[in-house]
Every structure is written in structure tokens, then in C-alpha cells.
């Protein structure tokens, strides 16, 4: 069983990184999203009511104002799951705050040999592997600082980022397929 860092330590990584915070999201959905009122409203209305003043967006604006980058690639099924559509809708507010969220079709991720692991990579020096149950419940984050493993995460990042599409282009592609 991996050793997890505590939540307070996890949060500090998003204010203390120096240059880049990058994430790969591979799950088809997250239990924490499904449990929230915001998700239930989205399912009922297909509309995303988001708060650009929520702590995540406030921090993104603060970090990017310092010239730092916060980026992520989400792996998406074809057709996208309900949870993936929810995340795609919610990404608009994150992107407006300064985060750059892009998307990659799962078939293409498989062709690239990307692993089915969620992680954050900070400054190409440390990673937090996010662990989940089979029912998408978050278990905790495992800190990785081994240089050989960090190089692997950097290679994953580079491949995913190179092939991922900006949110607007991805949304347009889904709309044209429907």
C-alpha cells in the first residue's frame, strides 16, 4: 500500500510550485463529483453553474499572475461519459481563471501508451499519484520524487500535451459528431 501525504500537505503543492503544475486525468468519473449538488444540477439541467470565486479559481489566478502555468489533460471516452461531459462544461471557468485544460480521446491515449493513472507533476521534480477505488472514491495522494519515475511522468506529460485538444476545439468536435 502506498504511503499517502496528508491533505494539508497536498494543498501546499498548489501554492509553492515554482513554474508548472500539470495533471493527467484518466478516470471516467469521480465519486466526489457525483456526490455534489453542482453535479446533480448539471445532470438535471445540462447547465454548469460555477463560481469563479471558488478557492481553486482564486489560486489559479494568483499563480498564473506570477507567470506560473497550471495545465491538465483529461482522457475522454467516445462518447464522453456523463461525468466527462460535466468536467468538460466546468473546464470553461477554470480556463477563464488561467488554467489550461485540454482533452484527449481515450483511443488516442491508448495508442500513445499512456497509463491509466491520475497524477499531478510539479516543476518536473515531484509528482503526486492520485489513488482511487474501483468506484472512483479518492483514497489519497502518493508523493514521488525518484528521478527515474519523474522522467517517466515528464514523458507521459509531453506525449499527452502534444496530442491533446483545447477545450473549445474538443467541444466543437463533439458537437459535430452528435
N, C-alpha and C. Protein backbone atom coordinates (compact mmCIF):
# COMPACT_ATOMS: atom_id res chain seq x y z
N UNK A 1 0.86 -1.18 0.00
CA UNK A 1 0.00 0.00 0.00
C UNK A 1 0.90 1.24 0.00
N UNK A 2 0.65 2.18 -0.90
CA UNK A 2 1.46 3.40 -0.94
C UNK A 2 1.26 4.24 0.32
N UNK A 3 2.24 5.04 0.62
CA UNK A 3 2.15 5.97 1.75
C UNK A 3 1.57 7.29 1.22
N UNK A 4 0.45 7.72 1.80
CA UNK A 4 -0.23 8.93 1.35
C UNK A 4 0.22 10.13 2.18
N UNK A 5 0.29 11.28 1.51
CA UNK A 5 0.55 12.53 2.22
C UNK A 5 -0.78 13.03 2.79
N UNK A 6 -0.72 13.92 3.76
CA UNK A 6 -1.97 14.44 4.32
C UNK A 6 -2.53 15.54 3.41
N UNK A 7 -3.80 15.85 3.59
CA UNK A 7 -4.49 16.80 2.71
C UNK A 7 -3.88 18.20 2.78
N UNK A 8 -3.43 18.63 3.97
CA UNK A 8 -2.84 19.97 4.10
C UNK A 8 -1.55 20.05 3.29
N UNK A 9 -0.76 18.99 3.32
CA UNK A 9 0.47 18.96 2.52
C UNK A 9 0.13 18.97 1.04
N UNK A 10 -0.88 18.21 0.66
CA UNK A 10 -1.33 18.16 -0.73
C UNK A 10 -1.64 19.58 -1.22
N UNK A 11 -2.38 20.32 -0.43
CA UNK A 11 -2.79 21.67 -0.83
C UNK A 11 -1.61 22.62 -1.02
N UNK A 12 -0.54 22.44 -0.24
CA UNK A 12 0.60 23.35 -0.34
C UNK A 12 1.30 23.26 -1.69
N UNK A 13 1.21 22.13 -2.36
CA UNK A 13 1.88 21.99 -3.65
C UNK A 13 1.34 22.98 -4.68
N UNK A 14 0.10 23.41 -4.51
CA UNK A 14 -0.54 24.30 -5.49
C UNK A 14 -0.23 25.78 -5.25
N UNK A 15 0.46 26.05 -4.17
CA UNK A 15 0.89 27.44 -3.93
C UNK A 15 2.41 27.56 -3.92
N UNK A 16 3.11 26.46 -3.75
CA UNK A 16 4.57 26.53 -3.61
C UNK A 16 5.33 26.08 -4.86
N UNK A 17 4.64 25.58 -5.90
CA UNK A 17 5.37 25.19 -7.11
C UNK A 17 5.97 26.45 -7.74
N UNK A 18 7.06 26.27 -8.47
CA UNK A 18 7.78 27.42 -9.00
C UNK A 18 7.41 27.79 -10.43
N UNK A 19 7.11 26.78 -11.26
CA UNK A 19 6.89 27.06 -12.68
C UNK A 19 5.63 26.41 -13.24
N UNK A 20 5.50 25.09 -13.06
CA UNK A 20 4.38 24.38 -13.67
C UNK A 20 3.77 23.36 -12.73
N UNK A 21 2.45 23.28 -12.79
CA UNK A 21 1.68 22.21 -12.16
C UNK A 21 0.88 21.59 -13.30
N UNK A 22 1.07 20.30 -13.52
CA UNK A 22 0.46 19.64 -14.68
C UNK A 22 -0.22 18.36 -14.21
N UNK A 23 -1.43 18.11 -14.73
CA UNK A 23 -2.19 16.93 -14.30
C UNK A 23 -2.64 16.10 -15.50
N UNK A 24 -2.66 14.78 -15.28
CA UNK A 24 -3.30 13.85 -16.20
C UNK A 24 -4.48 13.25 -15.46
N UNK A 25 -5.67 13.33 -16.08
CA UNK A 25 -6.89 12.72 -15.53
C UNK A 25 -7.33 11.61 -16.46
N UNK A 26 -7.44 10.41 -15.93
CA UNK A 26 -7.73 9.25 -16.78
C UNK A 26 -9.05 8.56 -16.44
N UNK A 27 -9.67 8.91 -15.35
CA UNK A 27 -10.87 8.19 -14.91
C UNK A 27 -12.09 8.63 -15.73
N UNK A 28 -13.07 7.76 -15.76
CA UNK A 28 -14.31 8.05 -16.48
C UNK A 28 -15.25 8.91 -15.65
N UNK A 29 -14.94 9.05 -14.38
CA UNK A 29 -15.73 9.87 -13.47
C UNK A 29 -15.12 9.81 -12.09
N UNK A 30 -15.57 10.72 -11.23
CA UNK A 30 -15.05 10.82 -9.88
C UNK A 30 -16.22 10.83 -8.90
N UNK A 31 -16.15 9.98 -7.88
CA UNK A 31 -17.23 9.88 -6.90
C UNK A 31 -17.49 11.22 -6.23
N UNK A 32 -16.45 11.99 -5.98
CA UNK A 32 -16.63 13.29 -5.32
C UNK A 32 -17.48 14.23 -6.17
N UNK A 33 -17.33 14.17 -7.48
CA UNK A 33 -18.19 14.98 -8.36
C UNK A 33 -19.63 14.52 -8.27
N UNK A 34 -19.83 13.21 -8.40
CA UNK A 34 -21.19 12.66 -8.41
C UNK A 34 -21.94 12.94 -7.11
N UNK A 35 -21.21 13.12 -6.01
CA UNK A 35 -21.84 13.35 -4.71
C UNK A 35 -22.28 14.80 -4.50
N UNK A 36 -21.86 15.70 -5.37
CA UNK A 36 -22.12 17.12 -5.15
C UNK A 36 -23.41 17.64 -5.76
N UNK A 37 -23.93 18.69 -5.16
CA UNK A 37 -25.15 19.34 -5.66
C UNK A 37 -24.92 19.95 -7.04
N UNK A 38 -23.74 20.46 -7.28
CA UNK A 38 -23.42 21.07 -8.58
C UNK A 38 -23.56 20.04 -9.71
N UNK A 39 -23.09 18.82 -9.45
CA UNK A 39 -23.21 17.74 -10.43
C UNK A 39 -24.68 17.38 -10.65
N UNK A 40 -25.43 17.27 -9.58
CA UNK A 40 -26.86 16.92 -9.71
C UNK A 40 -27.60 17.97 -10.53
N UNK A 41 -27.28 19.28 -10.28
CA UNK A 41 -27.90 20.34 -11.08
C UNK A 41 -27.53 20.20 -12.55
N UNK A 42 -26.27 19.87 -12.81
CA UNK A 42 -25.83 19.70 -14.19
C UNK A 42 -26.60 18.56 -14.87
N UNK A 43 -26.76 17.45 -14.18
CA UNK A 43 -27.48 16.30 -14.74
C UNK A 43 -28.92 16.68 -15.05
N UNK A 44 -29.53 17.45 -14.18
CA UNK A 44 -30.92 17.85 -14.37
C UNK A 44 -31.10 18.89 -15.47
N UNK A 45 -30.16 19.84 -15.58
CA UNK A 45 -30.36 20.98 -16.47
C UNK A 45 -29.42 21.03 -17.68
N UNK A 46 -28.34 20.24 -17.64
CA UNK A 46 -27.28 20.29 -18.64
C UNK A 46 -26.60 21.66 -18.68
N UNK A 47 -26.76 22.43 -17.61
CA UNK A 47 -26.13 23.74 -17.49
C UNK A 47 -25.15 23.71 -16.34
N UNK A 48 -24.01 24.39 -16.53
CA UNK A 48 -22.99 24.44 -15.49
C UNK A 48 -23.07 25.78 -14.79
N UNK A 49 -23.45 25.74 -13.53
CA UNK A 49 -23.44 26.95 -12.71
C UNK A 49 -22.18 26.87 -11.86
N UNK A 50 -21.20 27.68 -12.19
CA UNK A 50 -19.94 27.60 -11.47
C UNK A 50 -19.62 28.94 -10.83
N UNK A 51 -18.80 28.88 -9.82
CA UNK A 51 -18.42 30.06 -9.06
C UNK A 51 -16.96 30.40 -9.36
N UNK A 52 -16.70 31.44 -10.15
CA UNK A 52 -15.31 31.80 -10.44
C UNK A 52 -14.57 32.32 -9.21
N UNK A 53 -15.29 32.54 -8.11
CA UNK A 53 -14.67 32.97 -6.87
C UNK A 53 -14.32 31.83 -5.93
N UNK A 54 -14.53 30.59 -6.37
CA UNK A 54 -14.18 29.45 -5.50
C UNK A 54 -12.67 29.38 -5.33
N UNK A 55 -12.22 28.79 -4.23
CA UNK A 55 -10.78 28.80 -3.90
C UNK A 55 -9.86 28.30 -5.02
N UNK A 56 -10.26 27.28 -5.76
CA UNK A 56 -9.39 26.78 -6.83
C UNK A 56 -9.12 27.87 -7.86
N UNK A 57 -10.17 28.53 -8.32
CA UNK A 57 -10.01 29.58 -9.34
C UNK A 57 -9.24 30.78 -8.80
N UNK A 58 -9.47 31.12 -7.54
CA UNK A 58 -8.73 32.23 -6.93
C UNK A 58 -7.24 31.90 -6.94
N UNK A 59 -6.88 30.67 -6.57
CA UNK A 59 -5.47 30.28 -6.55
C UNK A 59 -4.90 30.22 -7.97
N UNK A 60 -5.67 29.71 -8.92
CA UNK A 60 -5.18 29.67 -10.30
C UNK A 60 -4.84 31.07 -10.78
N UNK A 61 -5.72 32.03 -10.54
CA UNK A 61 -5.45 33.41 -10.94
C UNK A 61 -4.20 33.95 -10.25
N UNK A 62 -4.06 33.66 -8.97
CA UNK A 62 -2.89 34.15 -8.22
C UNK A 62 -1.59 33.54 -8.76
N UNK A 63 -1.61 32.25 -9.05
CA UNK A 63 -0.39 31.58 -9.52
C UNK A 63 -0.04 32.01 -10.95
N UNK A 64 -1.04 32.06 -11.81
CA UNK A 64 -0.75 32.43 -13.20
C UNK A 64 -0.38 33.91 -13.31
N UNK A 65 -0.85 34.74 -12.40
CA UNK A 65 -0.44 36.15 -12.39
C UNK A 65 1.06 36.29 -12.11
N UNK A 66 1.63 35.27 -11.48
CA UNK A 66 3.07 35.24 -11.20
C UNK A 66 3.86 34.62 -12.35
N UNK A 67 3.17 34.27 -13.43
CA UNK A 67 3.84 33.67 -14.58
C UNK A 67 3.92 32.16 -14.53
N UNK A 68 3.31 31.54 -13.54
CA UNK A 68 3.30 30.09 -13.42
C UNK A 68 2.21 29.51 -14.35
N UNK A 69 2.37 28.23 -14.70
CA UNK A 69 1.39 27.57 -15.55
C UNK A 69 0.73 26.42 -14.77
N UNK A 70 -0.59 26.33 -14.92
CA UNK A 70 -1.36 25.20 -14.39
C UNK A 70 -2.09 24.61 -15.58
N UNK A 71 -1.78 23.34 -15.86
CA UNK A 71 -2.30 22.70 -17.06
C UNK A 71 -2.77 21.29 -16.70
N UNK A 72 -3.67 20.78 -17.54
CA UNK A 72 -4.07 19.37 -17.38
C UNK A 72 -4.60 18.83 -18.69
N UNK A 73 -4.50 17.52 -18.80
CA UNK A 73 -5.09 16.80 -19.92
C UNK A 73 -6.06 15.79 -19.33
N UNK A 74 -7.28 15.81 -19.88
CA UNK A 74 -8.30 14.84 -19.48
C UNK A 74 -8.49 13.83 -20.60
N UNK A 75 -8.44 12.56 -20.23
CA UNK A 75 -8.70 11.49 -21.19
C UNK A 75 -10.22 11.30 -21.24
N UNK A 76 -10.79 11.29 -22.46
CA UNK A 76 -12.24 11.28 -22.62
C UNK A 76 -12.65 10.12 -23.52
N UNK A 77 -13.71 9.43 -23.11
CA UNK A 77 -14.26 8.32 -23.90
C UNK A 77 -15.07 8.85 -25.07
N UNK A 78 -15.31 8.00 -26.04
CA UNK A 78 -16.13 8.34 -27.20
C UNK A 78 -17.29 7.35 -27.28
N UNK A 79 -18.50 7.77 -26.90
CA UNK A 79 -18.89 9.11 -26.49
C UNK A 79 -18.48 9.39 -25.05
N UNK A 80 -18.38 10.66 -24.70
CA UNK A 80 -18.00 11.00 -23.32
C UNK A 80 -19.03 10.52 -22.32
N UNK A 81 -18.57 10.08 -21.16
CA UNK A 81 -19.49 9.72 -20.08
C UNK A 81 -20.17 10.99 -19.58
N UNK A 82 -21.23 10.82 -18.83
CA UNK A 82 -21.91 11.98 -18.24
C UNK A 82 -20.94 12.78 -17.37
N UNK A 83 -20.12 12.08 -16.59
CA UNK A 83 -19.15 12.76 -15.73
C UNK A 83 -18.11 13.52 -16.55
N UNK A 84 -17.68 12.96 -17.68
CA UNK A 84 -16.72 13.65 -18.54
C UNK A 84 -17.35 14.89 -19.17
N UNK A 85 -18.62 14.81 -19.54
CA UNK A 85 -19.31 15.99 -20.07
C UNK A 85 -19.43 17.08 -18.99
N UNK A 86 -19.66 16.67 -17.78
CA UNK A 86 -19.71 17.60 -16.65
C UNK A 86 -18.36 18.31 -16.48
N UNK A 87 -17.28 17.55 -16.50
CA UNK A 87 -15.95 18.14 -16.37
C UNK A 87 -15.62 19.05 -17.54
N UNK A 88 -16.04 18.66 -18.73
CA UNK A 88 -15.81 19.48 -19.91
C UNK A 88 -16.55 20.81 -19.80
N UNK A 89 -17.78 20.77 -19.31
CA UNK A 89 -18.54 22.01 -19.11
C UNK A 89 -17.89 22.88 -18.04
N UNK A 90 -17.46 22.27 -16.96
CA UNK A 90 -16.85 23.01 -15.86
C UNK A 90 -15.48 23.59 -16.18
N UNK A 91 -14.81 23.03 -17.17
CA UNK A 91 -13.47 23.49 -17.52
C UNK A 91 -13.47 24.93 -18.03
N UNK A 92 -14.59 25.40 -18.54
CA UNK A 92 -14.64 26.77 -19.07
C UNK A 92 -14.25 27.79 -18.00
N UNK A 93 -14.77 27.64 -16.80
CA UNK A 93 -14.47 28.59 -15.72
C UNK A 93 -13.01 28.46 -15.30
N UNK A 94 -12.49 27.22 -15.23
CA UNK A 94 -11.08 27.02 -14.87
C UNK A 94 -10.18 27.67 -15.91
N UNK A 95 -10.52 27.49 -17.18
CA UNK A 95 -9.71 28.09 -18.24
C UNK A 95 -9.76 29.62 -18.17
N UNK A 96 -10.92 30.18 -17.88
CA UNK A 96 -11.04 31.63 -17.75
C UNK A 96 -10.17 32.15 -16.61
N UNK A 97 -10.00 31.33 -15.57
CA UNK A 97 -9.17 31.73 -14.43
C UNK A 97 -7.68 31.67 -14.76
N UNK A 98 -7.33 30.95 -15.85
CA UNK A 98 -5.93 30.89 -16.25
C UNK A 98 -5.37 29.49 -16.36
N UNK A 99 -6.13 28.48 -15.95
CA UNK A 99 -5.70 27.09 -16.12
C UNK A 99 -5.91 26.72 -17.58
N UNK A 100 -5.07 25.84 -18.10
CA UNK A 100 -5.21 25.38 -19.48
C UNK A 100 -5.57 23.90 -19.44
N UNK A 101 -6.86 23.61 -19.60
CA UNK A 101 -7.35 22.23 -19.57
C UNK A 101 -7.61 21.79 -21.00
N UNK A 102 -6.98 20.70 -21.37
CA UNK A 102 -7.14 20.13 -22.72
C UNK A 102 -7.66 18.71 -22.61
N UNK A 103 -8.07 18.16 -23.75
CA UNK A 103 -8.71 16.84 -23.77
C UNK A 103 -8.09 15.97 -24.85
N UNK A 104 -8.11 14.68 -24.57
CA UNK A 104 -7.55 13.68 -25.48
C UNK A 104 -8.48 12.48 -25.48
N UNK A 105 -8.83 12.03 -26.67
CA UNK A 105 -9.69 10.85 -26.77
C UNK A 105 -8.97 9.64 -26.18
N UNK A 106 -9.70 8.79 -25.48
CA UNK A 106 -9.12 7.61 -24.84
C UNK A 106 -8.46 6.69 -25.86
N UNK A 107 -9.05 6.52 -27.03
CA UNK A 107 -8.45 5.65 -28.05
C UNK A 107 -7.06 6.17 -28.44
N UNK A 108 -6.93 7.47 -28.55
CA UNK A 108 -5.63 8.04 -28.89
C UNK A 108 -4.65 7.89 -27.73
N UNK A 109 -5.13 8.07 -26.51
CA UNK A 109 -4.28 7.87 -25.33
C UNK A 109 -3.78 6.43 -25.29
N UNK A 110 -4.65 5.49 -25.62
CA UNK A 110 -4.25 4.07 -25.67
C UNK A 110 -3.20 3.84 -26.74
N UNK A 111 -3.39 4.45 -27.91
CA UNK A 111 -2.40 4.32 -28.99
C UNK A 111 -1.05 4.89 -28.57
N UNK A 112 -1.06 5.93 -27.77
CA UNK A 112 0.18 6.55 -27.29
C UNK A 112 0.80 5.77 -26.14
N UNK A 113 0.06 4.80 -25.61
CA UNK A 113 0.57 4.01 -24.49
C UNK A 113 0.53 4.74 -23.16
N UNK A 114 -0.38 5.72 -23.04
CA UNK A 114 -0.48 6.46 -21.78
C UNK A 114 -1.08 5.55 -20.71
N UNK A 115 -0.55 5.60 -19.51
CA UNK A 115 -1.06 4.74 -18.44
C UNK A 115 -2.37 5.26 -17.88
N UNK A 116 -3.13 4.37 -17.26
CA UNK A 116 -4.39 4.75 -16.63
C UNK A 116 -4.11 5.15 -15.19
N UNK A 117 -3.40 6.26 -15.03
CA UNK A 117 -3.04 6.75 -13.70
C UNK A 117 -3.25 8.26 -13.66
N UNK A 118 -3.91 8.72 -12.61
CA UNK A 118 -4.09 10.15 -12.41
C UNK A 118 -2.91 10.67 -11.59
N UNK A 119 -2.35 11.78 -12.02
CA UNK A 119 -1.24 12.35 -11.25
C UNK A 119 -1.11 13.84 -11.53
N UNK A 120 -0.48 14.51 -10.58
CA UNK A 120 -0.03 15.89 -10.73
C UNK A 120 1.48 15.84 -10.81
N UNK A 121 2.06 16.64 -11.69
CA UNK A 121 3.51 16.78 -11.83
C UNK A 121 3.86 18.24 -11.56
N UNK A 122 4.75 18.46 -10.61
CA UNK A 122 5.12 19.82 -10.21
C UNK A 122 6.56 20.10 -10.59
N UNK A 123 6.77 21.10 -11.44
CA UNK A 123 8.10 21.58 -11.82
C UNK A 123 9.01 20.47 -12.34
N UNK A 124 8.43 19.41 -12.88
CA UNK A 124 9.20 18.28 -13.40
C UNK A 124 10.18 17.74 -12.36
N UNK A 125 9.80 17.89 -11.08
CA UNK A 125 10.66 17.42 -9.98
C UNK A 125 9.96 16.49 -9.01
N UNK A 126 8.66 16.62 -8.90
CA UNK A 126 7.93 15.74 -7.99
C UNK A 126 6.54 15.51 -8.56
N UNK A 127 5.99 14.36 -8.18
CA UNK A 127 4.65 14.00 -8.65
C UNK A 127 3.81 13.54 -7.47
N UNK A 128 2.53 13.74 -7.61
CA UNK A 128 1.56 13.18 -6.69
C UNK A 128 0.68 12.24 -7.49
N UNK A 129 0.79 10.95 -7.20
CA UNK A 129 -0.08 9.96 -7.84
C UNK A 129 -1.36 9.90 -7.02
N UNK A 130 -2.49 10.09 -7.70
CA UNK A 130 -3.78 10.07 -7.02
C UNK A 130 -4.36 8.66 -7.10
N UNK A 131 -4.69 8.11 -5.96
CA UNK A 131 -5.22 6.74 -5.89
C UNK A 131 -6.72 6.78 -5.65
N UNK A 132 -7.42 5.85 -6.32
CA UNK A 132 -8.88 5.77 -6.25
C UNK A 132 -9.30 4.31 -6.09
N UNK A 133 -10.50 4.11 -5.55
CA UNK A 133 -11.09 2.78 -5.51
C UNK A 133 -11.68 2.46 -6.89
N UNK A 134 -12.15 1.25 -7.05
CA UNK A 134 -12.81 0.86 -8.30
C UNK A 134 -14.10 1.63 -8.54
N UNK A 135 -14.65 2.24 -7.48
CA UNK A 135 -15.88 3.02 -7.61
C UNK A 135 -15.59 4.52 -7.62
N UNK A 136 -14.34 4.87 -7.93
CA UNK A 136 -13.92 6.27 -8.14
C UNK A 136 -13.83 7.11 -6.87
N UNK A 137 -13.79 6.48 -5.71
CA UNK A 137 -13.60 7.22 -4.47
C UNK A 137 -12.11 7.51 -4.29
N UNK A 138 -11.79 8.73 -3.94
CA UNK A 138 -10.41 9.15 -3.73
C UNK A 138 -9.87 8.53 -2.45
N UNK A 139 -8.70 7.90 -2.54
CA UNK A 139 -8.06 7.30 -1.37
C UNK A 139 -6.97 8.18 -0.79
N UNK A 140 -6.20 8.83 -1.67
CA UNK A 140 -5.11 9.67 -1.20
C UNK A 140 -4.09 9.89 -2.29
N UNK A 141 -3.08 10.71 -1.96
CA UNK A 141 -2.03 11.07 -2.91
C UNK A 141 -0.69 10.55 -2.41
N UNK A 142 0.03 9.92 -3.30
CA UNK A 142 1.35 9.36 -3.02
C UNK A 142 2.41 10.27 -3.63
N UNK A 143 3.33 10.73 -2.82
CA UNK A 143 4.41 11.59 -3.29
C UNK A 143 5.50 10.75 -3.94
N UNK A 144 5.92 11.18 -5.15
CA UNK A 144 7.02 10.52 -5.88
C UNK A 144 8.07 11.58 -6.18
N UNK A 145 9.30 11.29 -5.78
CA UNK A 145 10.41 12.20 -6.07
C UNK A 145 11.59 11.47 -6.73
N UNK A 146 11.45 10.18 -6.97
CA UNK A 146 12.50 9.40 -7.62
C UNK A 146 12.73 9.93 -9.03
N UNK A 147 13.97 10.37 -9.35
CA UNK A 147 14.22 10.98 -10.66
C UNK A 147 13.84 10.12 -11.85
N UNK A 148 14.05 8.82 -11.78
CA UNK A 148 13.70 7.95 -12.91
C UNK A 148 12.19 7.93 -13.14
N UNK A 149 11.42 7.88 -12.07
CA UNK A 149 9.97 7.90 -12.22
C UNK A 149 9.49 9.27 -12.69
N UNK A 150 10.14 10.34 -12.22
CA UNK A 150 9.76 11.69 -12.66
C UNK A 150 9.99 11.83 -14.16
N UNK A 151 11.07 11.28 -14.68
CA UNK A 151 11.32 11.32 -16.13
C UNK A 151 10.18 10.62 -16.86
N UNK A 152 9.70 9.50 -16.35
CA UNK A 152 8.56 8.81 -16.98
C UNK A 152 7.32 9.70 -16.98
N UNK A 153 7.05 10.37 -15.87
CA UNK A 153 5.90 11.27 -15.81
C UNK A 153 6.07 12.43 -16.79
N UNK A 154 7.27 12.93 -16.96
CA UNK A 154 7.52 14.00 -17.93
C UNK A 154 7.27 13.51 -19.35
N UNK A 155 7.66 12.28 -19.64
CA UNK A 155 7.41 11.72 -20.98
C UNK A 155 5.92 11.55 -21.23
N UNK A 156 5.19 11.11 -20.22
CA UNK A 156 3.74 10.98 -20.33
C UNK A 156 3.13 12.35 -20.58
N UNK A 157 3.56 13.34 -19.79
CA UNK A 157 3.08 14.72 -19.96
C UNK A 157 3.32 15.22 -21.38
N UNK A 158 4.54 15.04 -21.87
CA UNK A 158 4.88 15.56 -23.20
C UNK A 158 4.04 14.91 -24.29
N UNK A 159 3.85 13.60 -24.21
CA UNK A 159 3.04 12.90 -25.23
C UNK A 159 1.58 13.34 -25.16
N UNK A 160 1.03 13.38 -23.95
CA UNK A 160 -0.38 13.76 -23.80
C UNK A 160 -0.61 15.20 -24.25
N UNK A 161 0.24 16.11 -23.82
CA UNK A 161 0.06 17.52 -24.14
C UNK A 161 0.17 17.77 -25.64
N UNK A 162 1.10 17.08 -26.29
CA UNK A 162 1.30 17.27 -27.72
C UNK A 162 0.05 16.90 -28.52
N UNK A 163 -0.67 15.90 -28.08
CA UNK A 163 -1.82 15.39 -28.85
C UNK A 163 -3.17 15.91 -28.34
N UNK A 164 -3.19 16.54 -27.18
CA UNK A 164 -4.46 16.99 -26.60
C UNK A 164 -4.99 18.22 -27.33
N UNK A 165 -6.33 18.33 -27.30
CA UNK A 165 -7.00 19.46 -27.96
C UNK A 165 -7.48 20.48 -26.93
N UNK A 166 -7.43 21.74 -27.32
CA UNK A 166 -8.00 22.78 -26.48
C UNK A 166 -9.49 22.50 -26.27
N UNK A 167 -10.01 22.95 -25.15
CA UNK A 167 -11.40 22.69 -24.78
C UNK A 167 -12.38 23.09 -25.89
N UNK A 168 -12.22 24.29 -26.42
CA UNK A 168 -13.16 24.79 -27.42
C UNK A 168 -13.17 23.90 -28.67
N UNK A 169 -11.99 23.47 -29.11
CA UNK A 169 -11.90 22.61 -30.28
C UNK A 169 -12.51 21.24 -30.00
N UNK A 170 -12.31 20.75 -28.79
CA UNK A 170 -12.84 19.45 -28.40
C UNK A 170 -14.36 19.50 -28.35
N UNK A 171 -14.89 20.55 -27.74
CA UNK A 171 -16.36 20.72 -27.65
C UNK A 171 -16.95 20.79 -29.05
N UNK A 172 -16.30 21.51 -29.95
CA UNK A 172 -16.78 21.63 -31.33
C UNK A 172 -16.76 20.26 -32.02
N UNK A 173 -15.75 19.47 -31.76
CA UNK A 173 -15.67 18.14 -32.37
C UNK A 173 -16.79 17.24 -31.85
N UNK A 174 -17.09 17.31 -30.57
CA UNK A 174 -18.18 16.51 -30.02
C UNK A 174 -19.50 16.96 -30.62
N UNK A 175 -19.71 18.27 -30.73
CA UNK A 175 -20.95 18.80 -31.28
C UNK A 175 -21.13 18.38 -32.73
N UNK A 176 -20.05 18.33 -33.50
CA UNK A 176 -20.18 17.97 -34.91
C UNK A 176 -20.41 16.48 -35.10
N UNK A 177 -20.01 15.68 -34.10
CA UNK A 177 -20.24 14.24 -34.16
C UNK A 177 -21.67 13.88 -33.78
N UNK A 178 -22.32 14.77 -33.01
CA UNK A 178 -23.64 14.47 -32.45
C UNK A 178 -24.69 14.79 -33.41
